[in-house]
């Protein structure tokens, strides 16, 4: 049987920091989308691949963990829909339906799935200890599981792996390690202030 304290315990960082409500939930979702859009602008195009280097995956993983499964996934869906509608939120200030439906669309869909999965694991306290790295790896793998085959429809699978996965493994590993350090640290800092 669960204790009252366990039932009322915050499941995510946003639960710990923000009073629940429709307005606060909407603001968190929009904030996560804006955070992702901002980090998408840290973009370095590579001459040999259509996939740029960005900080989007860091934003996706931390947004999912901080907001939880539903709000995290919704946040990334809002991000994708805003870009599809013409807001210059994608890497390098790009936008439009062609981006979502084109070779890079699998990454955007993968972002929604990754935020959901990482958020689900965070709701089970995986963002507070050593399991946070595994949660981030699962999120990263979810992105690639969708993005690489999607890119493969345009380039073929061998090129999709060599141009859409291999060049990014080291950078994405560094980003997920940073996210894995930021989340438990933030929980510790929040615990001290409340």
N, C-alpha and C. Protein backbone atom coordinates (compact mmCIF):
# COMPACT_ATOMS: atom_id res chain seq x y z
N UNK A 1 0.84 -1.18 0.00
CA UNK A 1 0.00 0.00 0.00
C UNK A 1 0.89 1.25 0.00
N UNK A 2 0.55 2.24 -0.84
CA UNK A 2 1.31 3.47 -0.94
C UNK A 2 0.96 4.41 0.21
N UNK A 3 1.97 5.07 0.70
CA UNK A 3 1.74 6.06 1.75
C UNK A 3 1.27 7.36 1.11
N UNK A 4 0.70 8.25 1.93
CA UNK A 4 0.27 9.55 1.44
C UNK A 4 1.44 10.34 0.90
N UNK A 5 2.60 10.24 1.54
CA UNK A 5 3.79 10.96 1.09
C UNK A 5 4.22 10.48 -0.29
N UNK A 6 4.13 9.17 -0.54
CA UNK A 6 4.52 8.64 -1.85
C UNK A 6 3.56 9.11 -2.93
N UNK A 7 2.28 9.20 -2.60
CA UNK A 7 1.29 9.63 -3.58
C UNK A 7 1.49 11.11 -3.91
N UNK A 8 1.81 11.92 -2.93
CA UNK A 8 1.97 13.36 -3.13
C UNK A 8 3.36 13.77 -3.56
N UNK A 9 4.31 12.84 -3.57
CA UNK A 9 5.68 13.18 -3.95
C UNK A 9 5.72 13.64 -5.40
N UNK A 10 6.54 14.66 -5.68
CA UNK A 10 6.64 15.15 -7.06
C UNK A 10 7.25 14.08 -7.96
N UNK A 11 6.65 13.90 -9.12
CA UNK A 11 7.15 12.90 -10.05
C UNK A 11 8.20 13.47 -10.99
N UNK A 12 8.14 14.76 -11.29
CA UNK A 12 9.09 15.40 -12.19
C UNK A 12 9.56 16.72 -11.59
N UNK A 13 10.59 17.28 -12.19
CA UNK A 13 11.07 18.58 -11.72
C UNK A 13 9.98 19.64 -11.82
N UNK A 14 9.22 19.61 -12.90
CA UNK A 14 8.16 20.62 -13.04
C UNK A 14 7.10 20.45 -11.95
N UNK A 15 6.83 19.21 -11.54
CA UNK A 15 5.90 18.99 -10.44
C UNK A 15 6.44 19.60 -9.15
N UNK A 16 7.73 19.53 -8.98
CA UNK A 16 8.38 20.03 -7.76
C UNK A 16 8.40 21.55 -7.72
N UNK A 17 8.54 22.17 -8.91
CA UNK A 17 8.77 23.60 -8.97
C UNK A 17 7.53 24.44 -9.25
N UNK A 18 6.54 23.84 -9.90
CA UNK A 18 5.39 24.62 -10.38
C UNK A 18 4.10 24.02 -9.86
N UNK A 19 3.24 24.87 -9.36
CA UNK A 19 1.93 24.41 -8.90
C UNK A 19 1.12 23.91 -10.09
N UNK A 20 0.52 22.74 -9.98
CA UNK A 20 -0.23 22.19 -11.12
C UNK A 20 -1.45 23.01 -11.48
N UNK A 21 -1.74 23.06 -12.75
CA UNK A 21 -2.90 23.77 -13.25
C UNK A 21 -2.86 23.84 -14.76
N UNK A 22 -3.97 24.20 -15.37
CA UNK A 22 -4.04 24.25 -16.82
C UNK A 22 -3.10 25.32 -17.37
N UNK A 23 -3.11 26.50 -16.78
CA UNK A 23 -2.26 27.58 -17.28
C UNK A 23 -0.78 27.25 -17.07
N UNK A 24 -0.42 26.77 -15.90
CA UNK A 24 0.98 26.45 -15.66
C UNK A 24 1.43 25.30 -16.56
N UNK A 25 0.57 24.32 -16.79
CA UNK A 25 0.90 23.23 -17.70
C UNK A 25 1.13 23.72 -19.12
N UNK A 26 0.25 24.61 -19.57
CA UNK A 26 0.39 25.17 -20.92
C UNK A 26 1.68 25.97 -21.04
N UNK A 27 2.00 26.74 -20.01
CA UNK A 27 3.23 27.53 -20.04
C UNK A 27 4.47 26.63 -20.05
N UNK A 28 4.42 25.54 -19.32
CA UNK A 28 5.54 24.60 -19.33
C UNK A 28 5.72 23.96 -20.70
N UNK A 29 4.62 23.58 -21.33
CA UNK A 29 4.68 22.98 -22.67
C UNK A 29 5.27 23.97 -23.67
N UNK A 30 4.77 25.20 -23.65
CA UNK A 30 5.28 26.23 -24.57
C UNK A 30 6.74 26.54 -24.24
N UNK A 31 7.07 26.59 -22.95
CA UNK A 31 8.46 26.84 -22.55
C UNK A 31 9.41 25.78 -23.06
N UNK A 32 8.99 24.50 -22.98
CA UNK A 32 9.82 23.42 -23.50
C UNK A 32 10.01 23.52 -25.00
N UNK A 33 8.95 23.91 -25.72
CA UNK A 33 9.05 24.10 -27.17
C UNK A 33 10.00 25.24 -27.50
N UNK A 34 9.90 26.34 -26.74
CA UNK A 34 10.80 27.48 -26.97
C UNK A 34 12.25 27.13 -26.63
N UNK A 35 12.46 26.38 -25.57
CA UNK A 35 13.80 25.93 -25.20
C UNK A 35 14.42 25.09 -26.33
N UNK A 36 13.62 24.20 -26.89
CA UNK A 36 14.10 23.38 -28.01
C UNK A 36 14.39 24.25 -29.22
N UNK A 37 13.50 25.19 -29.52
CA UNK A 37 13.72 26.10 -30.65
C UNK A 37 14.99 26.91 -30.48
N UNK A 38 15.23 27.37 -29.27
CA UNK A 38 16.43 28.15 -28.99
C UNK A 38 17.70 27.32 -29.21
N UNK A 39 17.71 26.10 -28.67
CA UNK A 39 18.90 25.26 -28.82
C UNK A 39 19.05 24.72 -30.24
N UNK A 40 17.97 24.71 -31.01
CA UNK A 40 18.06 24.32 -32.42
C UNK A 40 18.85 25.35 -33.23
N UNK A 41 18.88 26.59 -32.72
CA UNK A 41 19.59 27.64 -33.44
C UNK A 41 21.11 27.54 -33.26
N UNK A 42 21.53 26.75 -32.29
CA UNK A 42 22.95 26.43 -32.16
C UNK A 42 23.17 25.30 -33.16
N UNK A 43 23.42 25.68 -34.40
CA UNK A 43 23.40 24.74 -35.51
C UNK A 43 24.65 24.89 -36.37
N UNK A 44 25.29 23.77 -36.63
CA UNK A 44 26.47 23.75 -37.49
C UNK A 44 26.19 22.79 -38.64
N UNK A 45 26.01 23.33 -39.86
CA UNK A 45 25.78 22.44 -40.99
C UNK A 45 27.07 21.68 -41.34
N UNK A 46 26.91 20.44 -41.69
CA UNK A 46 28.05 19.63 -42.13
C UNK A 46 27.94 19.46 -43.65
N UNK A 47 29.04 19.65 -44.37
CA UNK A 47 28.96 19.63 -45.84
C UNK A 47 28.62 18.27 -46.45
N UNK A 48 28.80 17.21 -45.71
CA UNK A 48 28.63 15.87 -46.27
C UNK A 48 27.30 15.21 -45.90
N UNK A 49 26.45 15.90 -45.12
CA UNK A 49 25.18 15.30 -44.69
C UNK A 49 24.10 16.37 -44.59
N UNK A 50 22.84 16.00 -44.84
CA UNK A 50 21.75 16.96 -44.68
C UNK A 50 21.40 17.24 -43.21
N UNK A 51 22.00 16.48 -42.29
CA UNK A 51 21.69 16.60 -40.87
C UNK A 51 22.71 17.53 -40.21
N UNK A 52 22.26 18.65 -39.64
CA UNK A 52 23.21 19.55 -38.96
C UNK A 52 23.49 19.10 -37.53
N UNK A 53 24.59 19.58 -36.99
CA UNK A 53 24.89 19.39 -35.57
C UNK A 53 24.14 20.49 -34.83
N UNK A 54 23.34 20.12 -33.83
CA UNK A 54 22.60 21.10 -33.02
C UNK A 54 22.63 20.66 -31.56
N UNK A 55 22.04 21.48 -30.73
CA UNK A 55 21.83 21.12 -29.32
C UNK A 55 20.40 20.67 -29.06
N UNK A 56 19.65 20.39 -30.13
CA UNK A 56 18.26 19.98 -29.97
C UNK A 56 18.10 18.75 -29.11
N UNK A 57 18.96 17.75 -29.30
CA UNK A 57 18.76 16.52 -28.53
C UNK A 57 18.93 16.76 -27.04
N UNK A 58 19.83 17.66 -26.66
CA UNK A 58 19.95 18.03 -25.25
C UNK A 58 18.63 18.61 -24.75
N UNK A 59 18.04 19.50 -25.55
CA UNK A 59 16.76 20.11 -25.17
C UNK A 59 15.66 19.06 -25.09
N UNK A 60 15.63 18.14 -26.03
CA UNK A 60 14.59 17.10 -26.05
C UNK A 60 14.68 16.23 -24.79
N UNK A 61 15.88 15.78 -24.47
CA UNK A 61 16.06 14.88 -23.33
C UNK A 61 15.75 15.58 -22.01
N UNK A 62 16.23 16.80 -21.85
CA UNK A 62 15.99 17.51 -20.59
C UNK A 62 14.53 17.97 -20.48
N UNK A 63 13.93 18.35 -21.59
CA UNK A 63 12.51 18.74 -21.56
C UNK A 63 11.65 17.55 -21.17
N UNK A 64 11.90 16.41 -21.77
CA UNK A 64 11.15 15.21 -21.42
C UNK A 64 11.28 14.88 -19.94
N UNK A 65 12.52 14.91 -19.45
CA UNK A 65 12.75 14.57 -18.05
C UNK A 65 12.13 15.59 -17.11
N UNK A 66 12.25 16.86 -17.43
CA UNK A 66 11.74 17.90 -16.53
C UNK A 66 10.22 17.99 -16.53
N UNK A 67 9.59 17.76 -17.68
CA UNK A 67 8.14 17.94 -17.77
C UNK A 67 7.36 16.64 -17.61
N UNK A 68 7.99 15.51 -17.81
CA UNK A 68 7.28 14.25 -17.75
C UNK A 68 6.81 13.81 -19.13
N UNK A 69 6.22 12.64 -19.18
CA UNK A 69 5.89 12.02 -20.46
C UNK A 69 4.90 12.84 -21.29
N UNK A 70 3.78 13.20 -20.72
CA UNK A 70 2.74 13.87 -21.50
C UNK A 70 3.12 15.28 -21.88
N UNK A 71 3.51 16.08 -20.88
CA UNK A 71 3.86 17.47 -21.18
C UNK A 71 5.13 17.55 -22.02
N UNK A 72 6.08 16.64 -21.78
CA UNK A 72 7.31 16.63 -22.57
C UNK A 72 7.03 16.33 -24.03
N UNK A 73 6.25 15.26 -24.29
CA UNK A 73 5.91 14.90 -25.67
C UNK A 73 5.08 16.00 -26.32
N UNK A 74 4.13 16.55 -25.58
CA UNK A 74 3.30 17.63 -26.13
C UNK A 74 4.16 18.84 -26.47
N UNK A 75 5.13 19.14 -25.64
CA UNK A 75 6.04 20.25 -25.89
C UNK A 75 6.78 20.09 -27.21
N UNK A 76 7.27 18.88 -27.46
CA UNK A 76 7.99 18.63 -28.71
C UNK A 76 7.05 18.58 -29.90
N UNK A 77 5.81 18.16 -29.68
CA UNK A 77 4.81 18.20 -30.74
C UNK A 77 4.49 19.65 -31.10
N UNK A 78 4.34 20.50 -30.08
CA UNK A 78 4.10 21.93 -30.32
C UNK A 78 5.26 22.53 -31.10
N UNK A 79 6.48 22.15 -30.73
CA UNK A 79 7.68 22.62 -31.45
C UNK A 79 7.60 22.23 -32.92
N UNK A 80 7.30 20.95 -33.21
CA UNK A 80 7.24 20.47 -34.59
C UNK A 80 6.11 21.16 -35.37
N UNK A 81 4.96 21.30 -34.74
CA UNK A 81 3.82 21.94 -35.42
C UNK A 81 4.08 23.42 -35.67
N UNK A 82 4.74 24.10 -34.72
CA UNK A 82 5.07 25.51 -34.92
C UNK A 82 6.01 25.66 -36.12
N UNK A 83 7.00 24.80 -36.20
CA UNK A 83 7.90 24.85 -37.35
C UNK A 83 7.20 24.51 -38.64
N UNK A 84 6.33 23.55 -38.59
CA UNK A 84 5.57 23.15 -39.78
C UNK A 84 4.67 24.29 -40.26
N UNK A 85 4.15 25.07 -39.31
CA UNK A 85 3.27 26.19 -39.64
C UNK A 85 4.04 27.42 -40.14
N UNK A 86 5.37 27.38 -40.06
CA UNK A 86 6.15 28.49 -40.60
C UNK A 86 7.00 29.25 -39.61
N UNK A 87 6.89 28.95 -38.31
CA UNK A 87 7.75 29.62 -37.33
C UNK A 87 9.19 29.12 -37.54
N UNK A 88 10.16 30.02 -37.56
CA UNK A 88 11.55 29.63 -37.86
C UNK A 88 12.24 28.97 -36.65
N UNK A 89 11.74 27.83 -36.23
CA UNK A 89 12.22 27.19 -35.01
C UNK A 89 13.15 26.02 -35.24
N UNK A 90 13.19 25.49 -36.47
CA UNK A 90 14.04 24.35 -36.73
C UNK A 90 15.49 24.80 -36.86
N UNK A 91 16.39 23.86 -36.95
CA UNK A 91 17.83 24.15 -37.02
C UNK A 91 18.12 25.22 -38.07
N UNK A 92 18.91 26.19 -37.65
CA UNK A 92 19.30 27.27 -38.55
C UNK A 92 18.17 28.21 -38.92
N UNK A 93 17.09 28.23 -38.14
CA UNK A 93 15.98 29.14 -38.41
C UNK A 93 15.09 28.70 -39.55
N UNK A 94 15.14 27.44 -39.91
CA UNK A 94 14.29 26.94 -40.99
C UNK A 94 12.91 26.60 -40.46
N UNK A 95 12.00 26.38 -41.39
CA UNK A 95 10.62 26.02 -41.02
C UNK A 95 9.94 25.41 -42.23
N UNK A 96 8.70 25.02 -42.03
CA UNK A 96 7.87 24.56 -43.12
C UNK A 96 7.57 23.08 -43.09
N UNK A 97 6.49 22.73 -43.76
CA UNK A 97 6.05 21.34 -43.83
C UNK A 97 7.08 20.47 -44.53
N UNK A 98 7.82 21.04 -45.47
CA UNK A 98 8.83 20.25 -46.20
C UNK A 98 9.90 19.70 -45.26
N UNK A 99 10.20 20.42 -44.20
CA UNK A 99 11.19 19.94 -43.24
C UNK A 99 10.64 18.73 -42.48
N UNK A 100 9.39 18.82 -42.06
CA UNK A 100 8.79 17.73 -41.30
C UNK A 100 8.55 16.52 -42.18
N UNK A 101 8.18 16.74 -43.42
CA UNK A 101 7.87 15.63 -44.33
C UNK A 101 9.09 15.17 -45.12
N UNK A 102 10.19 15.93 -45.05
CA UNK A 102 11.39 15.60 -45.80
C UNK A 102 12.34 14.68 -45.05
N UNK A 103 13.59 14.62 -45.49
CA UNK A 103 14.57 13.69 -44.92
C UNK A 103 14.79 13.84 -43.42
N UNK A 104 14.61 15.04 -42.88
CA UNK A 104 14.87 15.27 -41.46
C UNK A 104 13.64 15.08 -40.57
N UNK A 105 12.51 14.78 -41.18
CA UNK A 105 11.27 14.64 -40.43
C UNK A 105 11.31 13.54 -39.38
N UNK A 106 12.07 12.49 -39.63
CA UNK A 106 12.17 11.41 -38.66
C UNK A 106 12.79 11.85 -37.35
N UNK A 107 13.71 12.81 -37.43
CA UNK A 107 14.30 13.33 -36.20
C UNK A 107 13.23 14.04 -35.38
N UNK A 108 12.40 14.85 -36.05
CA UNK A 108 11.37 15.61 -35.34
C UNK A 108 10.34 14.68 -34.70
N UNK A 109 9.96 13.63 -35.41
CA UNK A 109 9.04 12.65 -34.84
C UNK A 109 9.72 11.91 -33.69
N UNK A 110 10.98 11.57 -33.90
CA UNK A 110 11.76 10.90 -32.85
C UNK A 110 11.88 11.75 -31.60
N UNK A 111 11.94 13.07 -31.76
CA UNK A 111 12.01 13.96 -30.60
C UNK A 111 10.78 13.79 -29.71
N UNK A 112 9.61 13.71 -30.32
CA UNK A 112 8.37 13.56 -29.55
C UNK A 112 8.39 12.24 -28.78
N UNK A 113 8.78 11.17 -29.46
CA UNK A 113 8.83 9.85 -28.83
C UNK A 113 9.87 9.82 -27.71
N UNK A 114 11.04 10.40 -27.97
CA UNK A 114 12.11 10.42 -26.96
C UNK A 114 11.69 11.20 -25.72
N UNK A 115 11.06 12.36 -25.92
CA UNK A 115 10.60 13.16 -24.78
C UNK A 115 9.59 12.37 -23.96
N UNK A 116 8.71 11.64 -24.63
CA UNK A 116 7.73 10.82 -23.92
C UNK A 116 8.43 9.74 -23.09
N UNK A 117 9.34 9.01 -23.71
CA UNK A 117 10.01 7.91 -23.02
C UNK A 117 10.87 8.40 -21.85
N UNK A 118 11.65 9.44 -22.08
CA UNK A 118 12.50 9.98 -21.00
C UNK A 118 11.60 10.53 -19.88
N UNK A 119 10.52 11.19 -20.26
CA UNK A 119 9.57 11.70 -19.27
C UNK A 119 8.93 10.59 -18.45
N UNK A 120 8.58 9.51 -19.11
CA UNK A 120 8.00 8.36 -18.42
C UNK A 120 8.98 7.78 -17.41
N UNK A 121 10.23 7.68 -17.80
CA UNK A 121 11.26 7.17 -16.88
C UNK A 121 11.52 8.16 -15.74
N UNK A 122 11.48 9.45 -16.05
CA UNK A 122 11.66 10.47 -15.00
C UNK A 122 10.53 10.40 -13.98
N UNK A 123 9.33 10.10 -14.45
CA UNK A 123 8.19 9.95 -13.53
C UNK A 123 8.39 8.78 -12.58
N UNK A 124 9.29 7.91 -12.94
CA UNK A 124 9.63 6.77 -12.08
C UNK A 124 10.98 6.99 -11.38
N UNK A 125 11.37 8.25 -11.29
CA UNK A 125 12.57 8.70 -10.56
C UNK A 125 13.90 8.31 -11.21
N UNK A 126 13.90 7.99 -12.49
CA UNK A 126 15.15 7.65 -13.17
C UNK A 126 16.01 8.90 -13.42
N UNK A 127 15.49 10.07 -13.22
CA UNK A 127 16.24 11.31 -13.46
C UNK A 127 16.98 11.80 -12.21
N UNK A 128 16.98 11.01 -11.15
CA UNK A 128 17.55 11.47 -9.88
C UNK A 128 18.80 10.72 -9.46
N UNK A 129 19.17 9.68 -10.13
CA UNK A 129 20.32 8.88 -9.71
C UNK A 129 21.06 8.31 -10.90
N UNK A 130 21.68 7.18 -10.68
CA UNK A 130 22.54 6.58 -11.70
C UNK A 130 21.77 6.09 -12.93
N UNK A 131 20.48 5.81 -12.78
CA UNK A 131 19.70 5.34 -13.94
C UNK A 131 19.43 6.45 -14.95
N UNK A 132 19.73 7.68 -14.62
CA UNK A 132 19.47 8.79 -15.53
C UNK A 132 20.21 8.59 -16.85
N UNK A 133 21.42 8.05 -16.81
CA UNK A 133 22.17 7.83 -18.04
C UNK A 133 21.42 6.84 -18.94
N UNK A 134 20.91 5.78 -18.35
CA UNK A 134 20.16 4.80 -19.13
C UNK A 134 18.90 5.43 -19.73
N UNK A 135 18.22 6.28 -18.97
CA UNK A 135 17.04 6.98 -19.49
C UNK A 135 17.41 7.83 -20.70
N UNK A 136 18.54 8.53 -20.62
CA UNK A 136 18.98 9.37 -21.73
C UNK A 136 19.37 8.54 -22.95
N UNK A 137 20.02 7.41 -22.71
CA UNK A 137 20.40 6.52 -23.81
C UNK A 137 19.14 6.00 -24.50
N UNK A 138 18.14 5.62 -23.72
CA UNK A 138 16.88 5.14 -24.29
C UNK A 138 16.25 6.23 -25.15
N UNK A 139 16.24 7.46 -24.66
CA UNK A 139 15.70 8.58 -25.43
C UNK A 139 16.47 8.79 -26.72
N UNK A 140 17.78 8.76 -26.64
CA UNK A 140 18.62 8.95 -27.82
C UNK A 140 18.40 7.83 -28.85
N UNK A 141 18.32 6.60 -28.37
CA UNK A 141 18.07 5.47 -29.26
C UNK A 141 16.70 5.58 -29.93
N UNK A 142 15.72 6.09 -29.21
CA UNK A 142 14.39 6.28 -29.80
C UNK A 142 14.44 7.26 -30.96
N UNK A 143 15.21 8.32 -30.78
CA UNK A 143 15.35 9.30 -31.88
C UNK A 143 15.93 8.61 -33.10
N UNK A 144 17.03 7.92 -32.92
CA UNK A 144 17.70 7.27 -34.05
C UNK A 144 16.87 6.13 -34.65
N UNK A 145 16.10 5.43 -33.83
CA UNK A 145 15.28 4.32 -34.33
C UNK A 145 14.24 4.81 -35.33
N UNK A 146 13.82 6.06 -35.19
CA UNK A 146 12.86 6.64 -36.13
C UNK A 146 13.58 7.43 -37.22
N UNK A 147 14.57 8.23 -36.84
CA UNK A 147 15.22 9.14 -37.78
C UNK A 147 16.03 8.43 -38.86
N UNK A 148 16.77 7.42 -38.49
CA UNK A 148 17.65 6.78 -39.47
C UNK A 148 16.86 6.04 -40.55
N UNK A 149 15.87 5.21 -40.21
CA UNK A 149 15.07 4.60 -41.28
C UNK A 149 14.33 5.63 -42.14
N UNK A 150 13.86 6.70 -41.49
CA UNK A 150 13.17 7.76 -42.24
C UNK A 150 14.14 8.38 -43.24
N UNK A 151 15.33 8.72 -42.79
CA UNK A 151 16.36 9.27 -43.68
C UNK A 151 16.73 8.24 -44.75
N UNK A 152 16.69 6.97 -44.38
CA UNK A 152 16.99 5.90 -45.32
C UNK A 152 16.02 5.84 -46.48
N UNK A 153 14.78 6.30 -46.27
CA UNK A 153 13.82 6.34 -47.38
C UNK A 153 14.29 7.30 -48.47
N UNK A 154 15.09 8.28 -48.11
CA UNK A 154 15.58 9.28 -49.06
C UNK A 154 16.97 8.96 -49.58
N UNK A 155 17.82 8.39 -48.71
CA UNK A 155 19.22 8.18 -49.07
C UNK A 155 19.62 6.72 -49.21
N UNK A 156 18.78 5.81 -48.77
CA UNK A 156 19.16 4.41 -48.64
C UNK A 156 19.71 4.19 -47.23
N UNK A 157 19.56 2.98 -46.73
CA UNK A 157 19.91 2.73 -45.32
C UNK A 157 21.40 2.86 -45.02
N UNK A 158 22.26 2.42 -45.93
CA UNK A 158 23.70 2.52 -45.66
C UNK A 158 24.10 3.98 -45.52
N UNK A 159 23.64 4.83 -46.44
CA UNK A 159 23.95 6.27 -46.35
C UNK A 159 23.29 6.91 -45.13
N UNK A 160 22.09 6.46 -44.81
CA UNK A 160 21.40 7.02 -43.65
C UNK A 160 22.20 6.76 -42.37
N UNK A 161 22.74 5.57 -42.24
CA UNK A 161 23.55 5.25 -41.06
C UNK A 161 24.86 6.05 -41.09
N UNK A 162 25.52 6.10 -42.25
CA UNK A 162 26.82 6.79 -42.32
C UNK A 162 26.70 8.31 -42.29
N UNK A 163 25.54 8.85 -42.69
CA UNK A 163 25.38 10.31 -42.71
C UNK A 163 24.44 10.84 -41.64
N UNK A 164 23.57 9.98 -41.10
CA UNK A 164 22.58 10.45 -40.14
C UNK A 164 22.74 9.89 -38.75
N UNK A 165 23.71 9.00 -38.56
CA UNK A 165 23.93 8.40 -37.25
C UNK A 165 25.39 8.49 -36.81
N UNK A 166 26.27 7.86 -37.57
CA UNK A 166 27.68 7.76 -37.15
C UNK A 166 28.36 9.09 -36.86
N UNK A 167 28.16 10.14 -37.68
CA UNK A 167 28.84 11.41 -37.38
C UNK A 167 28.38 12.07 -36.08
N UNK A 168 27.27 11.60 -35.52
CA UNK A 168 26.66 12.28 -34.38
C UNK A 168 26.79 11.51 -33.07
N UNK A 169 27.31 10.32 -33.11
CA UNK A 169 27.36 9.47 -31.92
C UNK A 169 28.16 10.13 -30.80
N UNK A 170 29.34 10.64 -31.09
CA UNK A 170 30.18 11.24 -30.04
C UNK A 170 29.52 12.49 -29.46
N UNK A 171 29.04 13.38 -30.32
CA UNK A 171 28.40 14.60 -29.84
C UNK A 171 27.14 14.32 -29.04
N UNK A 172 26.33 13.39 -29.52
CA UNK A 172 25.10 13.05 -28.80
C UNK A 172 25.40 12.36 -27.47
N UNK A 173 26.48 11.58 -27.45
CA UNK A 173 26.89 10.97 -26.18
C UNK A 173 27.29 12.04 -25.18
N UNK A 174 28.03 13.04 -25.63
CA UNK A 174 28.41 14.14 -24.73
C UNK A 174 27.18 14.89 -24.22
N UNK A 175 26.22 15.15 -25.11
CA UNK A 175 25.01 15.87 -24.71
C UNK A 175 24.20 15.07 -23.69
N UNK A 176 24.09 13.77 -23.91
CA UNK A 176 23.31 12.98 -22.95
C UNK A 176 24.04 12.85 -21.62
N UNK A 177 25.38 12.86 -21.64
CA UNK A 177 26.13 12.84 -20.38
C UNK A 177 25.93 14.14 -19.60
N UNK A 178 25.93 15.26 -20.32
CA UNK A 178 25.68 16.55 -19.65
C UNK A 178 24.27 16.56 -19.07
N UNK A 179 23.29 16.12 -19.86
CA UNK A 179 21.91 16.06 -19.36
C UNK A 179 21.83 15.13 -18.15
N UNK A 180 22.58 14.04 -18.18
CA UNK A 180 22.58 13.08 -17.07
C UNK A 180 23.18 13.67 -15.81
N UNK A 181 24.04 14.65 -15.95
CA UNK A 181 24.60 15.33 -14.78
C UNK A 181 23.73 16.46 -14.29
N UNK A 182 23.10 17.17 -15.24
CA UNK A 182 22.28 18.34 -14.89
C UNK A 182 21.05 17.94 -14.09
N UNK A 183 20.39 16.88 -14.48
CA UNK A 183 19.12 16.52 -13.83
C UNK A 183 19.28 16.14 -12.36
N UNK A 184 20.15 15.20 -12.00
CA UNK A 184 20.29 14.89 -10.57
C UNK A 184 20.77 16.10 -9.76
N UNK A 185 21.66 16.90 -10.36
CA UNK A 185 22.15 18.10 -9.67
C UNK A 185 21.00 19.07 -9.42
N UNK A 186 20.15 19.24 -10.41
CA UNK A 186 19.00 20.14 -10.25
C UNK A 186 18.08 19.64 -9.15
N UNK A 187 17.84 18.33 -9.11
CA UNK A 187 17.02 17.77 -8.03
C UNK A 187 17.63 18.06 -6.66
N UNK A 188 18.95 17.95 -6.56
CA UNK A 188 19.62 18.24 -5.28
C UNK A 188 19.46 19.70 -4.91
N UNK A 189 19.65 20.60 -5.88
CA UNK A 189 19.52 22.02 -5.62
C UNK A 189 18.08 22.39 -5.23
N UNK A 190 17.12 21.81 -5.91
CA UNK A 190 15.71 22.08 -5.61
C UNK A 190 15.37 21.55 -4.22
N UNK A 191 15.92 20.42 -3.86
CA UNK A 191 15.68 19.86 -2.54
C UNK A 191 16.19 20.74 -1.43
N UNK A 192 17.27 21.47 -1.69
CA UNK A 192 17.84 22.36 -0.68
C UNK A 192 17.04 23.64 -0.52
N UNK A 193 16.35 24.07 -1.59
CA UNK A 193 15.66 25.35 -1.53
C UNK A 193 14.22 25.25 -1.08
N UNK A 194 13.68 24.05 -0.97
CA UNK A 194 12.27 23.92 -0.61
C UNK A 194 12.10 23.14 0.65
